Structure formats: C-alpha cells, structure tokens
PDB file of all heavy atoms in Angstrom:
ATOM      1  N   GLY A   1       0.777  -1.247   0.061  1.00  0.00           N
ATOM      2  CA  GLY A   1      -0.004  -0.032  -0.056  1.00  0.00           C
ATOM      3  C   GLY A   1       0.822   1.291   0.007  1.00  0.00           C
ATOM      4  O   GLY A   1       0.342   2.282   0.551  1.00  0.00           O
ATOM      5  N   LEU A   2       2.008   1.228  -0.589  1.00  0.00           N
ATOM      6  CA  LEU A   2       2.908   2.379  -0.576  1.00  0.00           C
ATOM      7  C   LEU A   2       2.991   3.096  -1.916  1.00  0.00           C
ATOM      8  O   LEU A   2       3.870   3.973  -2.078  1.00  0.00           O
ATOM      9  CB  LEU A   2       4.326   1.957  -0.154  1.00  0.00           C
ATOM     10  CG  LEU A   2       4.465   1.346   1.258  1.00  0.00           C
ATOM     11  CD1 LEU A   2       5.850   0.956   1.539  1.00  0.00           C
ATOM     12  CD2 LEU A   2       3.986   2.378   2.305  1.00  0.00           C
ATOM     13  N   THR A   3       2.163   2.668  -2.893  1.00  0.00           N
ATOM     14  CA  THR A   3       2.149   3.387  -4.200  1.00  0.00           C
ATOM     15  C   THR A   3       1.653   4.813  -3.975  1.00  0.00           C
ATOM     16  O   THR A   3       0.846   5.102  -3.098  1.00  0.00           O
ATOM     17  CB  THR A   3       1.311   2.641  -5.222  1.00  0.00           C
ATOM     18  OG1 THR A   3       0.013   2.475  -4.648  1.00  0.00           O
ATOM     19  CG2 THR A   3       1.885   1.300  -5.535  1.00  0.00           C
ATOM     20  N   ASN A   4       2.140   5.726  -4.903  1.00  0.00           N
ATOM     21  CA  ASN A   4       1.766   7.192  -4.844  1.00  0.00           C
ATOM     22  C   ASN A   4       2.163   7.804  -3.485  1.00  0.00           C
ATOM     23  O   ASN A   4       1.523   8.763  -3.082  1.00  0.00           O
ATOM     24  CB  ASN A   4       0.266   7.347  -5.097  1.00  0.00           C
ATOM     25  CG  ASN A   4      -0.045   7.131  -6.553  1.00  0.00           C
ATOM     26  OD1 ASN A   4       0.691   7.427  -7.451  1.00  0.00           O
ATOM     27  ND2 ASN A   4      -1.253   6.550  -6.763  1.00  0.00           N
ATOM     28  N   SER A   5       3.238   7.311  -2.937  1.00  0.00           N
ATOM     29  CA  SER A   5       3.777   7.911  -1.714  1.00  0.00           C
ATOM     30  C   SER A   5       5.296   7.906  -1.829  1.00  0.00           C
ATOM     31  O   SER A   5       5.894   7.028  -2.415  1.00  0.00           O
ATOM     32  CB  SER A   5       3.273   7.207  -0.513  1.00  0.00           C
ATOM     33  OG  SER A   5       3.822   5.869  -0.401  1.00  0.00           O
ATOM     34  N   LEU A   6       5.891   8.896  -1.129  1.00  0.00           N
ATOM     35  CA  LEU A   6       7.367   8.914  -1.078  1.00  0.00           C
ATOM     36  C   LEU A   6       8.000   7.785  -0.320  1.00  0.00           C
ATOM     37  O   LEU A   6       9.135   7.354  -0.615  1.00  0.00           O
ATOM     38  CB  LEU A   6       7.808  10.258  -0.441  1.00  0.00           C
ATOM     39  CG  LEU A   6       7.532  11.535  -1.269  1.00  0.00           C
ATOM     40  CD1 LEU A   6       8.016  12.741  -0.562  1.00  0.00           C
ATOM     41  CD2 LEU A   6       8.147  11.493  -2.646  1.00  0.00           C
ATOM     42  N   ALA A   7       7.213   7.190   0.626  1.00  0.00           N
ATOM     43  CA  ALA A   7       7.756   5.981   1.279  1.00  0.00           C
ATOM     44  C   ALA A   7       7.960   4.881   0.402  1.00  0.00           C
ATOM     45  O   ALA A   7       8.875   4.059   0.596  1.00  0.00           O
ATOM     46  CB  ALA A   7       6.749   5.650   2.399  1.00  0.00           C
ATOM     47  N   GLY A   8       7.121   4.720  -0.628  1.00  0.00           N
ATOM     48  CA  GLY A   8       7.275   3.693  -1.633  1.00  0.00           C
ATOM     49  C   GLY A   8       8.552   3.821  -2.451  1.00  0.00           C
ATOM     50  O   GLY A   8       8.973   2.864  -3.030  1.00  0.00           O
ATOM     51  N   VAL A   9       9.064   5.071  -2.503  1.00  0.00           N
ATOM     52  CA  VAL A   9      10.314   5.323  -3.213  1.00  0.00           C
ATOM     53  C   VAL A   9      11.488   5.215  -2.255  1.00  0.00           C
ATOM     54  O   VAL A   9      12.593   4.639  -2.634  1.00  0.00           O
ATOM     55  CB  VAL A   9      10.297   6.738  -3.856  1.00  0.00           C
ATOM     56  CG1 VAL A   9      11.647   7.050  -4.505  1.00  0.00           C
ATOM     57  CG2 VAL A   9       9.159   6.794  -4.853  1.00  0.00           C
ATOM     58  N   VAL A  10      11.359   5.676  -1.051  1.00  0.00           N
ATOM     59  CA  VAL A  10      12.474   5.719  -0.128  1.00  0.00           C
ATOM     60  C   VAL A  10      12.858   4.277   0.310  1.00  0.00           C
ATOM     61  O   VAL A  10      14.052   3.955   0.331  1.00  0.00           O
ATOM     62  CB  VAL A  10      12.065   6.550   1.171  1.00  0.00           C
ATOM     63  CG1 VAL A  10      13.154   6.424   2.210  1.00  0.00           C
ATOM     64  CG2 VAL A  10      11.935   8.029   0.709  1.00  0.00           C
ATOM     65  N   VAL A  11      11.871   3.452   0.647  1.00  0.00           N
ATOM     66  CA  VAL A  11      12.243   2.129   1.165  1.00  0.00           C
ATOM     67  C   VAL A  11      13.026   1.288   0.143  1.00  0.00           C
ATOM     68  O   VAL A  11      14.094   0.700   0.519  1.00  0.00           O
ATOM     69  CB  VAL A  11      10.983   1.389   1.625  1.00  0.00           C
ATOM     70  CG1 VAL A  11      11.260  -0.092   1.962  1.00  0.00           C
ATOM     71  CG2 VAL A  11      10.297   2.140   2.759  1.00  0.00           C
ATOM     72  N   PRO A  12      12.645   1.190  -1.067  1.00  0.00           N
ATOM     73  CA  PRO A  12      13.447   0.387  -2.067  1.00  0.00           C
ATOM     74  C   PRO A  12      14.842   1.031  -2.300  1.00  0.00           C
ATOM     75  O   PRO A  12      15.822   0.323  -2.466  1.00  0.00           O
ATOM     76  CB  PRO A  12      12.598   0.471  -3.295  1.00  0.00           C
ATOM     77  CG  PRO A  12      11.217   0.682  -2.902  1.00  0.00           C
ATOM     78  CD  PRO A  12      11.315   1.567  -1.695  1.00  0.00           C
ATOM     79  N   GLN A  13      14.897   2.427  -2.286  1.00  0.00           N
ATOM     80  CA  GLN A  13      16.207   3.041  -2.454  1.00  0.00           C
ATOM     81  C   GLN A  13      17.146   2.679  -1.337  1.00  0.00           C
ATOM     82  O   GLN A  13      18.329   2.524  -1.544  1.00  0.00           O
ATOM     83  CB  GLN A  13      15.969   4.616  -2.527  1.00  0.00           C
ATOM     84  CG  GLN A  13      15.406   5.025  -3.846  1.00  0.00           C
ATOM     85  CD  GLN A  13      15.297   6.599  -3.948  1.00  0.00           C
ATOM     86  OE1 GLN A  13      15.105   7.099  -4.993  1.00  0.00           O
ATOM     87  NE2 GLN A  13      15.257   7.225  -2.811  1.00  0.00           N
ATOM     88  N   ILE A  14      16.641   2.602  -0.144  1.00  0.00           N
ATOM     89  CA  ILE A  14      17.475   2.172   1.030  1.00  0.00           C
ATOM     90  C   ILE A  14      18.038   0.786   0.740  1.00  0.00           C
ATOM     91  O   ILE A  14      19.187   0.482   0.962  1.00  0.00           O
ATOM     92  CB  ILE A  14      16.634   2.242   2.294  1.00  0.00           C
ATOM     93  CG1 ILE A  14      16.274   3.704   2.580  1.00  0.00           C
ATOM     94  CG2 ILE A  14      17.460   1.687   3.450  1.00  0.00           C
ATOM     95  CD1 ILE A  14      15.341   3.915   3.797  1.00  0.00           C
ATOM     96  N   ALA A  15      17.172  -0.126   0.334  1.00  0.00           N
ATOM     97  CA  ALA A  15      17.558  -1.470   0.129  1.00  0.00           C
ATOM     98  C   ALA A  15      18.579  -1.599  -0.903  1.00  0.00           C
ATOM     99  O   ALA A  15      19.607  -2.363  -0.807  1.00  0.00           O
ATOM    100  CB  ALA A  15      16.361  -2.339  -0.215  1.00  0.00           C
ATOM    101  N   PHE A  16      18.459  -0.875  -1.997  1.00  0.00           N
ATOM    102  CA  PHE A  16      19.434  -0.932  -3.123  1.00  0.00           C
ATOM    103  C   PHE A  16      20.735  -0.200  -2.829  1.00  0.00           C
ATOM    104  O   PHE A  16      21.771  -0.504  -3.419  1.00  0.00           O
ATOM    105  CB  PHE A  16      18.812  -0.426  -4.379  1.00  0.00           C
ATOM    106  CG  PHE A  16      17.896  -1.463  -5.062  1.00  0.00           C
ATOM    107  CD1 PHE A  16      16.604  -1.587  -4.799  1.00  0.00           C
ATOM    108  CD2 PHE A  16      18.498  -2.320  -6.006  1.00  0.00           C
ATOM    109  CE1 PHE A  16      15.813  -2.505  -5.476  1.00  0.00           C
ATOM    110  CE2 PHE A  16      17.707  -3.232  -6.672  1.00  0.00           C
ATOM    111  CZ  PHE A  16      16.334  -3.339  -6.405  1.00  0.00           C
ATOM    112  N   ALA A  17      20.664   0.721  -1.879  1.00  0.00           N
ATOM    113  CA  ALA A  17      21.926   1.396  -1.560  1.00  0.00           C
ATOM    114  C   ALA A  17      22.771   0.765  -0.454  1.00  0.00           C
ATOM    115  O   ALA A  17      23.941   1.077  -0.332  1.00  0.00           O
ATOM    116  CB  ALA A  17      21.573   2.886  -1.059  1.00  0.00           C
ATOM    117  N   LEU A  18      22.154  -0.130   0.307  1.00  0.00           N
ATOM    118  CA  LEU A  18      22.895  -0.754   1.454  1.00  0.00           C
ATOM    119  C   LEU A  18      24.031  -1.628   1.018  1.00  0.00           C
ATOM    120  O   LEU A  18      25.124  -1.579   1.659  1.00  0.00           O
ATOM    121  CB  LEU A  18      21.890  -1.635   2.274  1.00  0.00           C
ATOM    122  CG  LEU A  18      21.090  -0.831   3.320  1.00  0.00           C
ATOM    123  CD1 LEU A  18      20.126  -1.740   4.021  1.00  0.00           C
ATOM    124  CD2 LEU A  18      21.990  -0.189   4.293  1.00  0.00           C
ATOM    125  N   PRO A  19      23.967  -2.450  -0.060  1.00  0.00           N
ATOM    126  CA  PRO A  19      25.175  -3.231  -0.464  1.00  0.00           C
ATOM    127  C   PRO A  19      26.412  -2.402  -0.661  1.00  0.00           C
ATOM    128  O   PRO A  19      27.476  -2.729  -0.049  1.00  0.00           O
ATOM    129  CB  PRO A  19      24.657  -3.941  -1.713  1.00  0.00           C
ATOM    130  CG  PRO A  19      23.210  -4.054  -1.583  1.00  0.00           C
ATOM    131  CD  PRO A  19      22.804  -2.768  -0.981  1.00  0.00           C
ATOM    132  N   LEU A  20      26.329  -1.360  -1.488  1.00  0.00           N
ATOM    133  CA  LEU A  20      27.523  -0.522  -1.753  1.00  0.00           C
ATOM    134  C   LEU A  20      27.970   0.195  -0.396  1.00  0.00           C
ATOM    135  O   LEU A  20      29.200   0.272  -0.186  1.00  0.00           O
ATOM    136  CB  LEU A  20      27.231   0.515  -2.784  1.00  0.00           C
ATOM    137  CG  LEU A  20      28.378   1.437  -3.199  1.00  0.00           C
ATOM    138  CD1 LEU A  20      29.571   0.624  -3.752  1.00  0.00           C
ATOM    139  CD2 LEU A  20      27.896   2.435  -4.207  1.00  0.00           C
ATOM    140  N   THR A  21      27.030   0.642   0.370  1.00  0.00           N
ATOM    141  CA  THR A  21      27.362   1.248   1.625  1.00  0.00           C
ATOM    142  C   THR A  21      28.138   0.348   2.572  1.00  0.00           C
ATOM    143  O   THR A  21      29.146   0.732   3.117  1.00  0.00           O
ATOM    144  CB  THR A  21      26.068   1.776   2.305  1.00  0.00           C
ATOM    145  OG1 THR A  21      25.384   2.629   1.456  1.00  0.00           O
ATOM    146  CG2 THR A  21      26.414   2.394   3.643  1.00  0.00           C
ATOM    147  N   ILE A  22      27.730  -0.901   2.719  1.00  0.00           N
ATOM    148  CA  ILE A  22      28.418  -1.807   3.563  1.00  0.00           C
ATOM    149  C   ILE A  22      29.743  -2.207   3.031  1.00  0.00           C
ATOM    150  O   ILE A  22      30.782  -2.364   3.758  1.00  0.00           O
ATOM    151  CB  ILE A  22      27.498  -3.099   3.799  1.00  0.00           C
ATOM    152  CG1 ILE A  22      26.242  -2.707   4.576  1.00  0.00           C
ATOM    153  CG2 ILE A  22      28.261  -4.238   4.450  1.00  0.00           C
ATOM    154  CD1 ILE A  22      25.237  -3.817   4.647  1.00  0.00           C
ATOM    155  N   ILE A  23      29.887  -2.322   1.731  1.00  0.00           N
ATOM    156  CA  ILE A  23      31.198  -2.687   1.138  1.00  0.00           C
ATOM    157  C   ILE A  23      32.168  -1.547   1.335  1.00  0.00           C
ATOM    158  O   ILE A  23      33.367  -1.772   1.553  1.00  0.00           O
ATOM    159  CB  ILE A  23      31.019  -2.933  -0.371  1.00  0.00           C
ATOM    160  CG1 ILE A  23      30.221  -4.329  -0.551  1.00  0.00           C
ATOM    161  CG2 ILE A  23      32.347  -3.023  -1.128  1.00  0.00           C
ATOM    162  CD1 ILE A  23      29.904  -4.628  -1.927  1.00  0.00           C
ATOM    163  N   ILE A  24      31.736  -0.277   1.278  1.00  0.00           N
ATOM    164  CA  ILE A  24      32.660   0.799   1.525  1.00  0.00           C
ATOM    165  C   ILE A  24      32.983   0.992   2.967  1.00  0.00           C
ATOM    166  O   ILE A  24      34.156   1.282   3.298  1.00  0.00           O
ATOM    167  CB  ILE A  24      31.994   2.130   0.979  1.00  0.00           C
ATOM    168  CG1 ILE A  24      31.897   2.077  -0.545  1.00  0.00           C
ATOM    169  CG2 ILE A  24      32.832   3.365   1.363  1.00  0.00           C
ATOM    170  CD1 ILE A  24      31.187   3.269  -1.135  1.00  0.00           C
ATOM    171  N   LEU A  25      32.011   0.765   3.890  1.00  0.00           N
ATOM    172  CA  LEU A  25      32.277   0.991   5.310  1.00  0.00           C
ATOM    173  C   LEU A  25      33.089  -0.092   5.983  1.00  0.00           C
ATOM    174  O   LEU A  25      33.861   0.155   6.854  1.00  0.00           O
ATOM    175  CB  LEU A  25      30.923   1.197   6.001  1.00  0.00           C
ATOM    176  CG  LEU A  25      30.129   2.460   5.743  1.00  0.00           C
ATOM    177  CD1 LEU A  25      28.828   2.474   6.459  1.00  0.00           C
ATOM    178  CD2 LEU A  25      30.930   3.682   6.140  1.00  0.00           C
ATOM    179  N   SER A  26      32.896  -1.350   5.547  1.00  0.00           N
ATOM    180  CA  SER A  26      33.500  -2.443   6.173  1.00  0.00           C
ATOM    181  C   SER A  26      35.017  -2.301   6.264  1.00  0.00           C
ATOM    182  O   SER A  26      35.594  -2.573   7.350  1.00  0.00           O
ATOM    183  CB  SER A  26      33.097  -3.736   5.503  1.00  0.00           C
ATOM    184  OG  SER A  26      31.695  -3.994   5.658  1.00  0.00           O
ATOM    185  N   PRO A  27      35.730  -2.029   5.225  1.00  0.00           N
ATOM    186  CA  PRO A  27      37.201  -1.879   5.407  1.00  0.00           C
ATOM    187  C   PRO A  27      37.640  -0.785   6.326  1.00  0.00           C
ATOM    188  O   PRO A  27      38.581  -0.959   7.038  1.00  0.00           O
ATOM    189  CB  PRO A  27      37.655  -1.614   3.961  1.00  0.00           C
ATOM    190  CG  PRO A  27      36.591  -2.057   3.063  1.00  0.00           C
ATOM    191  CD  PRO A  27      35.307  -1.871   3.815  1.00  0.00           C
ATOM    192  N   PHE A  28      36.864   0.317   6.349  1.00  0.00           N
ATOM    193  CA  PHE A  28      37.199   1.406   7.343  1.00  0.00           C
ATOM    194  C   PHE A  28      37.035   0.832   8.708  1.00  0.00           C
ATOM    195  O   PHE A  28      37.966   1.095   9.605  1.00  0.00           O
ATOM    196  CB  PHE A  28      36.242   2.551   7.176  1.00  0.00           C
ATOM    197  CG  PHE A  28      36.830   3.635   6.275  1.00  0.00           C
ATOM    198  CD1 PHE A  28      36.621   3.628   4.945  1.00  0.00           C
ATOM    199  CD2 PHE A  28      37.468   4.689   6.882  1.00  0.00           C
ATOM    200  CE1 PHE A  28      37.105   4.653   4.134  1.00  0.00           C
ATOM    201  CE2 PHE A  28      38.031   5.751   6.108  1.00  0.00           C
ATOM    202  CZ  PHE A  28      37.831   5.675   4.765  1.00  0.00           C
ATOM    203  N   LEU A  29      36.002   0.190   8.985  1.00  0.00           N
ATOM    204  CA  LEU A  29      35.754  -0.263  10.400  1.00  0.00           C
ATOM    205  C   LEU A  29      36.722  -1.406  10.749  1.00  0.00           C
ATOM    206  O   LEU A  29      37.110  -1.566  11.938  1.00  0.00           O
ATOM    207  CB  LEU A  29      34.283  -0.709  10.612  1.00  0.00           C
ATOM    208  CG  LEU A  29      33.293   0.348  10.232  1.00  0.00           C
ATOM    209  CD1 LEU A  29      31.881  -0.148  10.427  1.00  0.00           C
ATOM    210  CD2 LEU A  29      33.549   1.653  11.066  1.00  0.00           C
ATOM    211  N   ALA A  30      37.055  -2.300   9.784  1.00  0.00           N
ATOM    212  CA  ALA A  30      37.934  -3.377  10.141  1.00  0.00           C
ATOM    213  C   ALA A  30      39.335  -2.911  10.353  1.00  0.00           C
ATOM    214  O   ALA A  30      40.103  -3.605  11.049  1.00  0.00           O
ATOM    215  CB  ALA A  30      37.884  -4.342   8.950  1.00  0.00           C
ATOM    216  N   ALA A  31      39.725  -1.766   9.750  1.00  0.00           N
ATOM    217  CA  ALA A  31      41.087  -1.242   9.927  1.00  0.00           C
ATOM    218  C   ALA A  31      41.331  -0.602  11.284  1.00  0.00           C
ATOM    219  O   ALA A  31      42.471  -0.274  11.636  1.00  0.00           O
ATOM    220  CB  ALA A  31      41.384  -0.174   8.828  1.00  0.00           C
ATOM    221  N   ILE A  32      40.310  -0.324  12.080  1.00  0.00           N
ATOM    222  CA  ILE A  32      40.449   0.257  13.410  1.00  0.00           C
ATOM    223  C   ILE A  32      41.200  -0.747  14.336  1.00  0.00           C
ATOM    224  O   ILE A  32      40.756  -1.901  14.417  1.00  0.00           O
ATOM    225  CB  ILE A  32      39.106   0.635  14.008  1.00  0.00           C
ATOM    226  CG1 ILE A  32      38.411   1.638  13.213  1.00  0.00           C
ATOM    227  CG2 ILE A  32      39.292   1.141  15.425  1.00  0.00           C
ATOM    228  CD1 ILE A  32      37.067   2.072  13.682  1.00  0.00           C
ATOM    229  N   PRO A  33      42.307  -0.396  14.888  1.00  0.00           N
ATOM    230  CA  PRO A  33      43.100  -1.381  15.733  1.00  0.00           C
ATOM    231  C   PRO A  33      42.281  -1.983  16.854  1.00  0.00           C
ATOM    232  O   PRO A  33      41.518  -1.258  17.554  1.00  0.00           O
ATOM    233  CB  PRO A  33      44.270  -0.546  16.193  1.00  0.00           C
ATOM    234  CG  PRO A  33      44.337   0.623  15.274  1.00  0.00           C
ATOM    235  CD  PRO A  33      42.909   0.913  14.818  1.00  0.00           C
ATOM    236  N   ASN A  34      42.488  -3.272  17.012  1.00  0.00           N
ATOM    237  CA  ASN A  34      41.825  -3.908  18.164  1.00  0.00           C
ATOM    238  C   ASN A  34      42.379  -3.361  19.534  1.00  0.00           C
ATOM    239  O   ASN A  34      41.669  -3.435  20.578  1.00  0.00           O
ATOM    240  CB  ASN A  34      42.077  -5.469  18.098  1.00  0.00           C
ATOM    241  CG  ASN A  34      41.300  -6.014  16.968  1.00  0.00           C
ATOM    242  OD1 ASN A  34      40.155  -5.604  16.544  1.00  0.00           O
ATOM    243  ND2 ASN A  34      41.882  -7.035  16.348  1.00  0.00           N
ATOM    244  N   GLU A  35      43.673  -2.930  19.501  1.00  0.00           N
ATOM    245  CA  GLU A  35      44.207  -2.430  20.695  1.00  0.00           C
ATOM    246  C   GLU A  35      43.487  -1.166  21.215  1.00  0.00           C
ATOM    247  O   GLU A  35      43.376  -0.945  22.402  1.00  0.00           O
ATOM    248  CB  GLU A  35      45.696  -1.998  20.496  1.00  0.00           C
ATOM    249  CG  GLU A  35      46.628  -3.201  20.265  1.00  0.00           C
ATOM    250  CD  GLU A  35      46.503  -3.761  18.911  1.00  0.00           C
ATOM    251  OE1 GLU A  35      45.789  -3.121  18.039  1.00  0.00           O
ATOM    252  OE2 GLU A  35      47.140  -4.773  18.612  1.00  0.00           O
ATOM    253  N   LEU A  36      42.910  -0.396  20.280  1.00  0.00           N
ATOM    254  CA  LEU A  36      42.114   0.804  20.607  1.00  0.00           C
ATOM    255  C   LEU A  36      40.829   0.380  21.341  1.00  0.00           C
ATOM    256  O   LEU A  36      40.459   1.002  22.337  1.00  0.00           O
ATOM    257  CB  LEU A  36      41.807   1.562  19.365  1.00  0.00           C
ATOM    258  CG  LEU A  36      41.138   2.967  19.611  1.00  0.00           C
ATOM    259  CD1 LEU A  36      41.999   3.819  20.434  1.00  0.00           C
ATOM    260  CD2 LEU A  36      40.815   3.528  18.243  1.00  0.00           C
ATOM    261  N   GLN A  37      40.201  -0.700  20.858  1.00  0.00           N
ATOM    262  CA  GLN A  37      39.008  -1.189  21.520  1.00  0.00           C
ATOM    263  C   GLN A  37      39.289  -1.727  22.930  1.00  0.00           C
ATOM    264  O   GLN A  37      38.602  -1.543  23.845  1.00  0.00           O
ATOM    265  CB  GLN A  37      38.353  -2.228  20.649  1.00  0.00           C
ATOM    266  CG  GLN A  37      36.996  -2.692  21.200  1.00  0.00           C
ATOM    267  CD  GLN A  37      36.265  -3.502  20.183  1.00  0.00           C
ATOM    268  OE1 GLN A  37      36.742  -3.833  19.155  1.00  0.00           O
ATOM    269  NE2 GLN A  37      35.088  -4.038  20.571  1.00  0.00           N
ATOM    270  N   GLU A  38      40.492  -2.446  23.022  1.00  0.00           N
ATOM    271  CA  GLU A  38      40.824  -3.010  24.286  1.00  0.00           C
ATOM    272  C   GLU A  38      41.148  -1.877  25.327  1.00  0.00           C
ATOM    273  O   GLU A  38      40.735  -1.941  26.511  1.00  0.00           O
ATOM    274  CB  GLU A  38      42.091  -3.847  24.136  1.00  0.00           C
ATOM    275  CG  GLU A  38      41.785  -5.144  23.293  1.00  0.00           C
ATOM    276  CD  GLU A  38      43.104  -5.876  23.061  1.00  0.00           C
ATOM    277  OE1 GLU A  38      44.162  -5.454  23.463  1.00  0.00           O
ATOM    278  OE2 GLU A  38      42.996  -6.912  22.365  1.00  0.00           O
ATOM    279  N   ALA A  39      41.812  -0.820  24.838  1.00  0.00           N
ATOM    280  CA  ALA A  39      42.076   0.329  25.743  1.00  0.00           C
ATOM    281  C   ALA A  39      40.732   1.018  26.122  1.00  0.00           C
ATOM    282  O   ALA A  39      40.682   1.412  27.296  1.00  0.00           O
ATOM    283  CB  ALA A  39      43.010   1.300  25.071  1.00  0.00           C
ATOM    284  N   ALA A  40      39.847   1.098  25.228  1.00  0.00           N
ATOM    285  CA  ALA A  40      38.560   1.720  25.562  1.00  0.00           C
ATOM    286  C   ALA A  40      37.822   0.896  26.638  1.00  0.00           C
ATOM    287  O   ALA A  40      37.141   1.395  27.516  1.00  0.00           O
ATOM    288  CB  ALA A  40      37.710   1.873  24.285  1.00  0.00           C
TER     289      ALA A  40
END
C-alpha cells in the first residue's frame, strides 16, 4: 500500500543502496586497531 507515496520510493532506495554502503564502510571499520578497543 505504498504506491503514490514517497515512502514507496524511499524504502526500495534504502535496500538498493545498502550493499555498496556496507562494502565501503566495512574496510574502514575493520582497519580500526583492536588495541584501541581494548584500551577503551
């Protein structure tokens, strides 16, 4: 029931944008040293 509404556009756009977002963010987050987390 989301036709003719911006929600019907936003939700699929989020789903299709997540793969590239996760692929870009994962190396950044994995590169954070574990020693920093242990110190925290």
